[in-house]
Amino acid sequence: MPLEFPNPSRSFDEARNAVRFIGHDGMFAVPFFIEAEALTATSRNGPEPAEAACLAAFDAARHSIHTSARKLYSGGRRTTYTITAADMR
């Protein structure tokens, strides 16, 4: 079964400085993080607080983030996956 993202929820994880979101592979929840650097590098939101800027950038790039998440997930099973700026190229 392919990795899907039926729940649009996402949240900012201050400790990791990343946005957390969940994918689903059948009945299994698959946790993902995308580093703030990967989001803000492409953002043009100006001087917003980190959380607001990252969440806005995530929403704007959701499709490409999900594509990168699927590629990362296809590389093998892990407990969590972290998308970096290099993964977004």
PDB file of N, CA and C in Angstrom:
ATOM      1  N   MET A   1       0.846  -1.178   0.000  1.00  0.00           N
ATOM      2  CA  MET A   1       0.000   0.000   0.000  1.00  0.00           C
ATOM      3  C   MET A   1       0.895   1.246   0.000  1.00  0.00           C
ATOM      4  N   PRO A   2       0.586   2.218  -0.831  1.00  0.00           N
ATOM      5  CA  PRO A   2       1.437   3.417  -0.904  1.00  0.00           C
ATOM      6  C   PRO A   2       1.252   4.325   0.313  1.00  0.00           C
ATOM      7  N   LEU A   3       2.246   5.125   0.560  1.00  0.00           N
ATOM      8  CA  LEU A   3       2.207   6.095   1.649  1.00  0.00           C
ATOM      9  C   LEU A   3       1.238   7.213   1.280  1.00  0.00           C
ATOM     10  N   GLU A   4       0.304   7.483   2.170  1.00  0.00           N
ATOM     11  CA  GLU A   4      -0.710   8.519   1.948  1.00  0.00           C
ATOM     12  C   GLU A   4      -0.666   9.541   3.079  1.00  0.00           C
ATOM     13  N   PHE A   5      -1.270  10.695   2.847  1.00  0.00           N
ATOM     14  CA  PHE A   5      -1.326  11.779   3.822  1.00  0.00           C
ATOM     15  C   PHE A   5      -2.765  12.272   3.933  1.00  0.00           C
ATOM     16  N   PRO A   6      -3.657  11.434   4.497  1.00  0.00           N
ATOM     17  CA  PRO A   6      -5.073  11.796   4.550  1.00  0.00           C
ATOM     18  C   PRO A   6      -5.394  12.894   5.567  1.00  0.00           C
ATOM     19  N   ASN A   7      -4.534  13.089   6.548  1.00  0.00           N
ATOM     20  CA  ASN A   7      -4.769  14.085   7.588  1.00  0.00           C
ATOM     21  C   ASN A   7      -3.879  15.305   7.322  1.00  0.00           C
ATOM     22  N   PRO A   8      -4.454  16.467   7.056  1.00  0.00           N
ATOM     23  CA  PRO A   8      -3.649  17.643   6.748  1.00  0.00           C
ATOM     24  C   PRO A   8      -2.990  18.300   7.969  1.00  0.00           C
ATOM     25  N   SER A   9      -3.167  17.726   9.148  1.00  0.00           N
ATOM     26  CA  SER A   9      -2.587  18.314  10.358  1.00  0.00           C
ATOM     27  C   SER A   9      -1.076  18.361  10.286  1.00  0.00           C
ATOM     28  N   ARG A  10      -0.530  19.421  10.856  1.00  0.00           N
ATOM     29  CA  ARG A  10       0.909  19.573  11.010  1.00  0.00           C
ATOM     30  C   ARG A  10       1.117  20.460  12.215  1.00  0.00           C
ATOM     31  N   SER A  11       2.277  20.347  12.838  1.00  0.00           N
ATOM     32  CA  SER A  11       2.562  21.163  14.012  1.00  0.00           C
ATOM     33  C   SER A  11       4.040  21.498  14.041  1.00  0.00           C
ATOM     34  N   PHE A  12       4.350  22.600  14.701  1.00  0.00           N
ATOM     35  CA  PHE A  12       5.739  23.016  14.824  1.00  0.00           C
ATOM     36  C   PHE A  12       6.327  22.400  16.075  1.00  0.00           C
ATOM     37  N   ASP A  13       7.451  21.716  15.939  1.00  0.00           N
ATOM     38  CA  ASP A  13       8.161  21.110  17.062  1.00  0.00           C
ATOM     39  C   ASP A  13       9.349  22.002  17.378  1.00  0.00           C
ATOM     40  N   GLU A  14       9.216  22.788  18.431  1.00  0.00           N
ATOM     41  CA  GLU A  14      10.249  23.762  18.773  1.00  0.00           C
ATOM     42  C   GLU A  14      11.569  23.089  19.140  1.00  0.00           C
ATOM     43  N   ALA A  15      11.510  21.963  19.833  1.00  0.00           N
ATOM     44  CA  ALA A  15      12.735  21.259  20.242  1.00  0.00           C
ATOM     45  C   ALA A  15      13.545  20.800  19.037  1.00  0.00           C
ATOM     46  N   ARG A  16      12.881  20.363  17.993  1.00  0.00           N
ATOM     47  CA  ARG A  16      13.564  19.902  16.777  1.00  0.00           C
ATOM     48  C   ARG A  16      13.733  21.009  15.743  1.00  0.00           C
ATOM     49  N   ASN A  17      13.061  22.136  15.961  1.00  0.00           N
ATOM     50  CA  ASN A  17      13.041  23.226  14.984  1.00  0.00           C
ATOM     51  C   ASN A  17      12.602  22.685  13.621  1.00  0.00           C
ATOM     52  N   ALA A  18      11.439  22.036  13.650  1.00  0.00           N
ATOM     53  CA  ALA A  18      10.924  21.357  12.465  1.00  0.00           C
ATOM     54  C   ALA A  18       9.403  21.287  12.531  1.00  0.00           C
ATOM     55  N   VAL A  19       8.805  21.037  11.390  1.00  0.00           N
ATOM     56  CA  VAL A  19       7.365  20.809  11.323  1.00  0.00           C
ATOM     57  C   VAL A  19       7.143  19.302  11.308  1.00  0.00           C
ATOM     58  N   ARG A  20       6.241  18.857  12.158  1.00  0.00           N
ATOM     59  CA  ARG A  20       5.909  17.438  12.283  1.00  0.00           C
ATOM     60  C   ARG A  20       4.602  17.183  11.532  1.00  0.00           C
ATOM     61  N   PHE A  21       4.564  16.076  10.781  1.00  0.00           N
ATOM     62  CA  PHE A  21       3.344  15.646  10.108  1.00  0.00           C
ATOM     63  C   PHE A  21       3.359  14.136  10.018  1.00  0.00           C
ATOM     64  N   ILE A  22       2.208  13.557   9.741  1.00  0.00           N
ATOM     65  CA  ILE A  22       2.052  12.097   9.768  1.00  0.00           C
ATOM     66  C   ILE A  22       1.604  11.585   8.406  1.00  0.00           C
ATOM     67  N   GLY A  23       2.251  10.512   7.969  1.00  0.00           N
ATOM     68  CA  GLY A  23       1.821   9.777   6.793  1.00  0.00           C
ATOM     69  C   GLY A  23       1.211   8.463   7.255  1.00  0.00           C
ATOM     70  N   HIS A  24       0.533   7.778   6.365  1.00  0.00           N
ATOM     71  CA  HIS A  24      -0.062   6.486   6.698  1.00  0.00           C
ATOM     72  C   HIS A  24       0.253   5.474   5.610  1.00  0.00           C
ATOM     73  N   ASP A  25       0.760   4.339   6.047  1.00  0.00           N
ATOM     74  CA  ASP A  25       1.013   3.199   5.173  1.00  0.00           C
ATOM     75  C   ASP A  25       0.070   2.113   5.649  1.00  0.00           C
ATOM     76  N   GLY A  26      -1.088   2.044   5.012  1.00  0.00           N
ATOM     77  CA  GLY A  26      -2.111   1.134   5.493  1.00  0.00           C
ATOM     78  C   GLY A  26      -2.570   1.590   6.868  1.00  0.00           C
ATOM     79  N   MET A  27      -2.482   0.694   7.840  1.00  0.00           N
ATOM     80  CA  MET A  27      -2.920   1.041   9.194  1.00  0.00           C
ATOM     81  C   MET A  27      -1.789   1.616  10.045  1.00  0.00           C
ATOM     82  N   PHE A  28      -0.595   1.740   9.487  1.00  0.00           N
ATOM     83  CA  PHE A  28       0.560   2.225  10.243  1.00  0.00           C
ATOM     84  C   PHE A  28       0.753   3.734  10.066  1.00  0.00           C
ATOM     85  N   ALA A  29       0.863   4.440  11.197  1.00  0.00           N
ATOM     86  CA  ALA A  29       1.179   5.872  11.170  1.00  0.00           C
ATOM     87  C   ALA A  29       2.685   6.014  11.040  1.00  0.00           C
ATOM     88  N   VAL A  30       3.115   6.914  10.165  1.00  0.00           N
ATOM     89  CA  VAL A  30       4.535   7.117   9.884  1.00  0.00           C
ATOM     90  C   VAL A  30       4.868   8.578  10.190  1.00  0.00           C
ATOM     91  N   PRO A  31       5.635   8.839  11.275  1.00  0.00           N
ATOM     92  CA  PRO A  31       5.946  10.223  11.639  1.00  0.00           C
ATOM     93  C   PRO A  31       7.076  10.824  10.790  1.00  0.00           C
ATOM     94  N   PHE A  32       6.842  12.047  10.353  1.00  0.00           N
ATOM     95  CA  PHE A  32       7.823  12.794   9.565  1.00  0.00           C
ATOM     96  C   PHE A  32       8.090  14.147  10.219  1.00  0.00           C
ATOM     97  N   PHE A  33       9.298  14.637  10.002  1.00  0.00           N
ATOM     98  CA  PHE A  33       9.673  16.000  10.358  1.00  0.00           C
ATOM     99  C   PHE A  33      10.310  16.621   9.125  1.00  0.00           C
ATOM    100  N   ILE A  34      10.074  17.902   8.918  1.00  0.00           N
ATOM    101  CA  ILE A  34      10.817  18.629   7.902  1.00  0.00           C
ATOM    102  C   ILE A  34      11.492  19.787   8.616  1.00  0.00           C
ATOM    103  N   GLU A  35      12.806  19.867   8.462  1.00  0.00           N
ATOM    104  CA  GLU A  35      13.587  20.879   9.157  1.00  0.00           C
ATOM    105  C   GLU A  35      13.158  22.282   8.748  1.00  0.00           C
ATOM    106  N   ALA A  36      13.185  23.197   9.709  1.00  0.00           N
ATOM    107  CA  ALA A  36      12.819  24.591   9.442  1.00  0.00           C
ATOM    108  C   ALA A  36      13.678  25.174   8.335  1.00  0.00           C
ATOM    109  N   GLU A  37      14.935  24.826   8.318  1.00  0.00           N
ATOM    110  CA  GLU A  37      15.846  25.334   7.279  1.00  0.00           C
ATOM    111  C   GLU A  37      15.370  24.948   5.882  1.00  0.00           C
ATOM    112  N   ALA A  38      14.838  23.741   5.737  1.00  0.00           N
ATOM    113  CA  ALA A  38      14.340  23.288   4.444  1.00  0.00           C
ATOM    114  C   ALA A  38      13.104  24.084   4.024  1.00  0.00           C
ATOM    115  N   LEU A  39      12.340  24.547   4.984  1.00  0.00           N
ATOM    116  CA  LEU A  39      11.132  25.321   4.691  1.00  0.00           C
ATOM    117  C   LEU A  39      11.421  26.796   4.476  1.00  0.00           C
ATOM    118  N   THR A  40      12.209  27.380   5.347  1.00  0.00           N
ATOM    119  CA  THR A  40      12.426  28.825   5.269  1.00  0.00           C
ATOM    120  C   THR A  40      13.365  29.220   4.145  1.00  0.00           C
ATOM    121  N   ALA A  41      14.136  28.281   3.639  1.00  0.00           N
ATOM    122  CA  ALA A  41      15.031  28.583   2.519  1.00  0.00           C
ATOM    123  C   ALA A  41      14.239  28.973   1.272  1.00  0.00           C
ATOM    124  N   THR A  42      13.026  28.445   1.150  1.00  0.00           N
ATOM    125  CA  THR A  42      12.208  28.740  -0.020  1.00  0.00           C
ATOM    126  C   THR A  42      11.067  29.703   0.301  1.00  0.00           C
ATOM    127  N   SER A  43      10.962  30.124   1.542  1.00  0.00           N
ATOM    128  CA  SER A  43       9.865  30.988   1.980  1.00  0.00           C
ATOM    129  C   SER A  43      10.179  32.455   1.714  1.00  0.00           C
ATOM    130  N   ARG A  44       9.142  33.207   1.388  1.00  0.00           N
ATOM    131  CA  ARG A  44       9.281  34.639   1.199  1.00  0.00           C
ATOM    132  C   ARG A  44       8.318  35.375   2.132  1.00  0.00           C
ATOM    133  N   ASN A  45       8.154  34.830   3.333  1.00  0.00           N
ATOM    134  CA  ASN A  45       7.156  35.361   4.251  1.00  0.00           C
ATOM    135  C   ASN A  45       7.617  36.554   5.063  1.00  0.00           C
ATOM    136  N   GLY A  46       8.860  36.913   4.986  1.00  0.00           N
ATOM    137  CA  GLY A  46       9.341  38.069   5.739  1.00  0.00           C
ATOM    138  C   GLY A  46       9.644  37.729   7.180  1.00  0.00           C
ATOM    139  N   PRO A  47       9.642  38.735   8.061  1.00  0.00           N
ATOM    140  CA  PRO A  47      10.092  38.537   9.435  1.00  0.00           C
ATOM    141  C   PRO A  47       9.026  37.981  10.384  1.00  0.00           C
ATOM    142  N   GLU A  48       8.369  36.913  10.011  1.00  0.00           N
ATOM    143  CA  GLU A  48       7.403  36.273  10.898  1.00  0.00           C
ATOM    144  C   GLU A  48       8.147  35.438  11.938  1.00  0.00           C
ATOM    145  N   PRO A  49       7.504  35.135  13.045  1.00  0.00           N
ATOM    146  CA  PRO A  49       8.108  34.192  13.998  1.00  0.00           C
ATOM    147  C   PRO A  49       8.358  32.854  13.313  1.00  0.00           C
ATOM    148  N   ALA A  50       9.339  32.113  13.791  1.00  0.00           N
ATOM    149  CA  ALA A  50       9.745  30.856  13.153  1.00  0.00           C
ATOM    150  C   ALA A  50       8.567  29.902  12.966  1.00  0.00           C
ATOM    151  N   GLU A  51       7.745  29.738  13.982  1.00  0.00           N
ATOM    152  CA  GLU A  51       6.625  28.800  13.882  1.00  0.00           C
ATOM    153  C   GLU A  51       5.661  29.198  12.766  1.00  0.00           C
ATOM    154  N   ALA A  52       5.243  30.447  12.750  1.00  0.00           N
ATOM    155  CA  ALA A  52       4.292  30.906  11.729  1.00  0.00           C
ATOM    156  C   ALA A  52       4.893  30.801  10.327  1.00  0.00           C
ATOM    157  N   ALA A  53       6.149  31.173  10.180  1.00  0.00           N
ATOM    158  CA  ALA A  53       6.813  31.107   8.874  1.00  0.00           C
ATOM    159  C   ALA A  53       6.927  29.667   8.391  1.00  0.00           C
ATOM    160  N   CYS A  54       7.300  28.774   9.277  1.00  0.00           N
ATOM    161  CA  CYS A  54       7.455  27.365   8.895  1.00  0.00           C
ATOM    162  C   CYS A  54       6.124  26.729   8.522  1.00  0.00           C
ATOM    163  N   LEU A  55       5.081  26.993   9.299  1.00  0.00           N
ATOM    164  CA  LEU A  55       3.776  26.414   8.991  1.00  0.00           C
ATOM    165  C   LEU A  55       3.216  26.965   7.681  1.00  0.00           C
ATOM    166  N   ALA A  56       3.410  28.246   7.448  1.00  0.00           N
ATOM    167  CA  ALA A  56       2.953  28.836   6.178  1.00  0.00           C
ATOM    168  C   ALA A  56       3.730  28.249   5.003  1.00  0.00           C
ATOM    169  N   ALA A  57       5.042  28.095   5.165  1.00  0.00           N
ATOM    170  CA  ALA A  57       5.870  27.513   4.102  1.00  0.00           C
ATOM    171  C   ALA A  57       5.490  26.059   3.859  1.00  0.00           C
ATOM    172  N   PHE A  58       5.188  25.319   4.927  1.00  0.00           N
ATOM    173  CA  PHE A  58       4.754  23.924   4.790  1.00  0.00           C
ATOM    174  C   PHE A  58       3.469  23.870   3.965  1.00  0.00           C
ATOM    175  N   ASP A  59       2.500  24.701   4.324  1.00  0.00           N
ATOM    176  CA  ASP A  59       1.221  24.697   3.612  1.00  0.00           C
ATOM    177  C   ASP A  59       1.409  25.036   2.136  1.00  0.00           C
ATOM    178  N   ALA A  60       2.294  25.970   1.846  1.00  0.00           N
ATOM    179  CA  ALA A  60       2.532  26.381   0.461  1.00  0.00           C
ATOM    180  C   ALA A  60       3.234  25.298  -0.360  1.00  0.00           C
ATOM    181  N   ALA A  61       4.029  24.477   0.297  1.00  0.00           N
ATOM    182  CA  ALA A  61       4.824  23.468  -0.419  1.00  0.00           C
ATOM    183  C   ALA A  61       4.388  22.037  -0.085  1.00  0.00           C
ATOM    184  N   ARG A  62       3.196  21.884   0.417  1.00  0.00           N
ATOM    185  CA  ARG A  62       2.714  20.572   0.897  1.00  0.00           C
ATOM    186  C   ARG A  62       2.910  19.456  -0.148  1.00  0.00           C
ATOM    187  N   HIS A  63       2.549  19.710  -1.391  1.00  0.00           N
ATOM    188  CA  HIS A  63       2.649  18.658  -2.422  1.00  0.00           C
ATOM    189  C   HIS A  63       4.104  18.194  -2.593  1.00  0.00           C
ATOM    190  N   SER A  64       5.032  19.113  -2.718  1.00  0.00           N
ATOM    191  CA  SER A  64       6.435  18.722  -2.913  1.00  0.00           C
ATOM    192  C   SER A  64       7.016  18.098  -1.640  1.00  0.00           C
ATOM    193  N   ILE A  65       6.542  18.520  -0.475  1.00  0.00           N
ATOM    194  CA  ILE A  65       6.986  17.903   0.782  1.00  0.00           C
ATOM    195  C   ILE A  65       6.515  16.453   0.839  1.00  0.00           C
ATOM    196  N   HIS A  66       5.273  16.208   0.476  1.00  0.00           N
ATOM    197  CA  HIS A  66       4.761  14.836   0.469  1.00  0.00           C
ATOM    198  C   HIS A  66       5.509  13.970  -0.544  1.00  0.00           C
ATOM    199  N   THR A  67       5.860  14.549  -1.680  1.00  0.00           N
ATOM    200  CA  THR A  67       6.643  13.816  -2.675  1.00  0.00           C
ATOM    201  C   THR A  67       8.008  13.439  -2.103  1.00  0.00           C
ATOM    202  N   SER A  68       8.659  14.379  -1.441  1.00  0.00           N
ATOM    203  CA  SER A  68       9.960  14.099  -0.810  1.00  0.00           C
ATOM    204  C   SER A  68       9.818  13.065   0.304  1.00  0.00           C
ATOM    205  N   ALA A  69       8.729  13.137   1.042  1.00  0.00           N
ATOM    206  CA  ALA A  69       8.487  12.167   2.118  1.00  0.00           C
ATOM    207  C   ALA A  69       8.328  10.757   1.551  1.00  0.00           C
ATOM    208  N   ARG A  70       7.620  10.638   0.451  1.00  0.00           N
ATOM    209  CA  ARG A  70       7.443   9.315  -0.167  1.00  0.00           C
ATOM    210  C   ARG A  70       8.785   8.742  -0.635  1.00  0.00           C
ATOM    211  N   LYS A  71       9.628   9.593  -1.222  1.00  0.00           N
ATOM    212  CA  LYS A  71      10.951   9.137  -1.665  1.00  0.00           C
ATOM    213  C   LYS A  71      11.787   8.679  -0.474  1.00  0.00           C
ATOM    214  N   LEU A  72      11.775   9.462   0.588  1.00  0.00           N
ATOM    215  CA  LEU A  72      12.536   9.125   1.785  1.00  0.00           C
ATOM    216  C   LEU A  72      12.030   7.824   2.401  1.00  0.00           C
ATOM    217  N   TYR A  73      10.728   7.664   2.455  1.00  0.00           N
ATOM    218  CA  TYR A  73      10.110   6.467   3.026  1.00  0.00           C
ATOM    219  C   TYR A  73      10.441   5.217   2.212  1.00  0.00           C
ATOM    220  N   SER A  74      10.543   5.364   0.912  1.00  0.00           N
ATOM    221  CA  SER A  74      10.823   4.209   0.053  1.00  0.00           C
ATOM    222  C   SER A  74      12.238   3.669   0.261  1.00  0.00           C
ATOM    223  N   GLY A  75      13.096   4.436   0.922  1.00  0.00           N
ATOM    224  CA  GLY A  75      14.468   4.009   1.180  1.00  0.00           C
ATOM    225  C   GLY A  75      14.619   3.021   2.319  1.00  0.00           C
ATOM    226  N   GLY A  76      13.557   2.714   3.014  1.00  0.00           N
ATOM    227  CA  GLY A  76      13.623   1.741   4.102  1.00  0.00           C
ATOM    228  C   GLY A  76      12.885   2.222   5.330  1.00  0.00           C
ATOM    229  N   ARG A  77      12.490   1.274   6.151  1.00  0.00           N
ATOM    230  CA  ARG A  77      11.695   1.577   7.345  1.00  0.00           C
ATOM    231  C   ARG A  77      12.542   2.134   8.472  1.00  0.00           C
ATOM    232  N   ARG A  78      12.025   3.172   9.119  1.00  0.00           N
ATOM    233  CA  ARG A  78      12.636   3.793  10.293  1.00  0.00           C
ATOM    234  C   ARG A  78      11.530   4.146  11.276  1.00  0.00           C
ATOM    235  N   THR A  79      11.929   4.577  12.472  1.00  0.00           N
ATOM    236  CA  THR A  79      10.915   4.997  13.444  1.00  0.00           C
ATOM    237  C   THR A  79      10.401   6.389  13.143  1.00  0.00           C
ATOM    238  N   THR A  80      11.256   7.281  12.648  1.00  0.00           N
ATOM    239  CA  THR A  80      10.861   8.609  12.185  1.00  0.00           C
ATOM    240  C   THR A  80      11.701   8.963  10.961  1.00  0.00           C
ATOM    241  N   TYR A  81      11.204   9.924  10.211  1.00  0.00           N
ATOM    242  CA  TYR A  81      11.897  10.388   9.012  1.00  0.00           C
ATOM    243  C   TYR A  81      12.041  11.902   9.103  1.00  0.00           C
ATOM    244  N   THR A  82      13.230  12.399   8.767  1.00  0.00           N
ATOM    245  CA  THR A  82      13.471  13.832   8.779  1.00  0.00           C
ATOM    246  C   THR A  82      13.866  14.289   7.382  1.00  0.00           C
ATOM    247  N   ILE A  83      13.091  15.217   6.844  1.00  0.00           N
ATOM    248  CA  ILE A  83      13.366  15.790   5.532  1.00  0.00           C
ATOM    249  C   ILE A  83      14.250  16.999   5.715  1.00  0.00           C
ATOM    250  N   THR A  84      15.342  17.035   4.968  1.00  0.00           N
ATOM    251  CA  THR A  84      16.291  18.156   5.028  1.00  0.00           C
ATOM    252  C   THR A  84      16.169  18.995   3.750  1.00  0.00           C
ATOM    253  N   ALA A  85      16.892  20.091   3.717  1.00  0.00           N
ATOM    254  CA  ALA A  85      16.897  20.934   2.523  1.00  0.00           C
ATOM    255  C   ALA A  85      17.394  20.153   1.304  1.00  0.00           C
ATOM    256  N   ALA A  86      18.367  19.276   1.496  1.00  0.00           N
ATOM    257  CA  ALA A  86      18.888  18.468   0.392  1.00  0.00           C
ATOM    258  C   ALA A  86      17.832  17.540  -0.183  1.00  0.00           C
ATOM    259  N   ASP A  87      16.920  17.052   0.655  1.00  0.00           N
ATOM    260  CA  ASP A  87      15.840  16.167   0.192  1.00  0.00           C
ATOM    261  C   ASP A  87      14.810  16.910  -0.654  1.00  0.00           C
ATOM    262  N   MET A  88      14.753  18.221  -0.515  1.00  0.00           N
ATOM    263  CA  MET A  88      13.748  19.017  -1.229  1.00  0.00           C
ATOM    264  C   MET A  88      14.209  19.433  -2.618  1.00  0.00           C
ATOM    265  N   ARG A  89      15.398  19.064  -3.017  1.00  0.00           N
ATOM    266  CA  ARG A  89      15.893  19.436  -4.355  1.00  0.00           C
ATOM    267  C   ARG A  89      15.403  18.492  -5.396  1.00  0.00           C
TER     268      ARG A  89
END
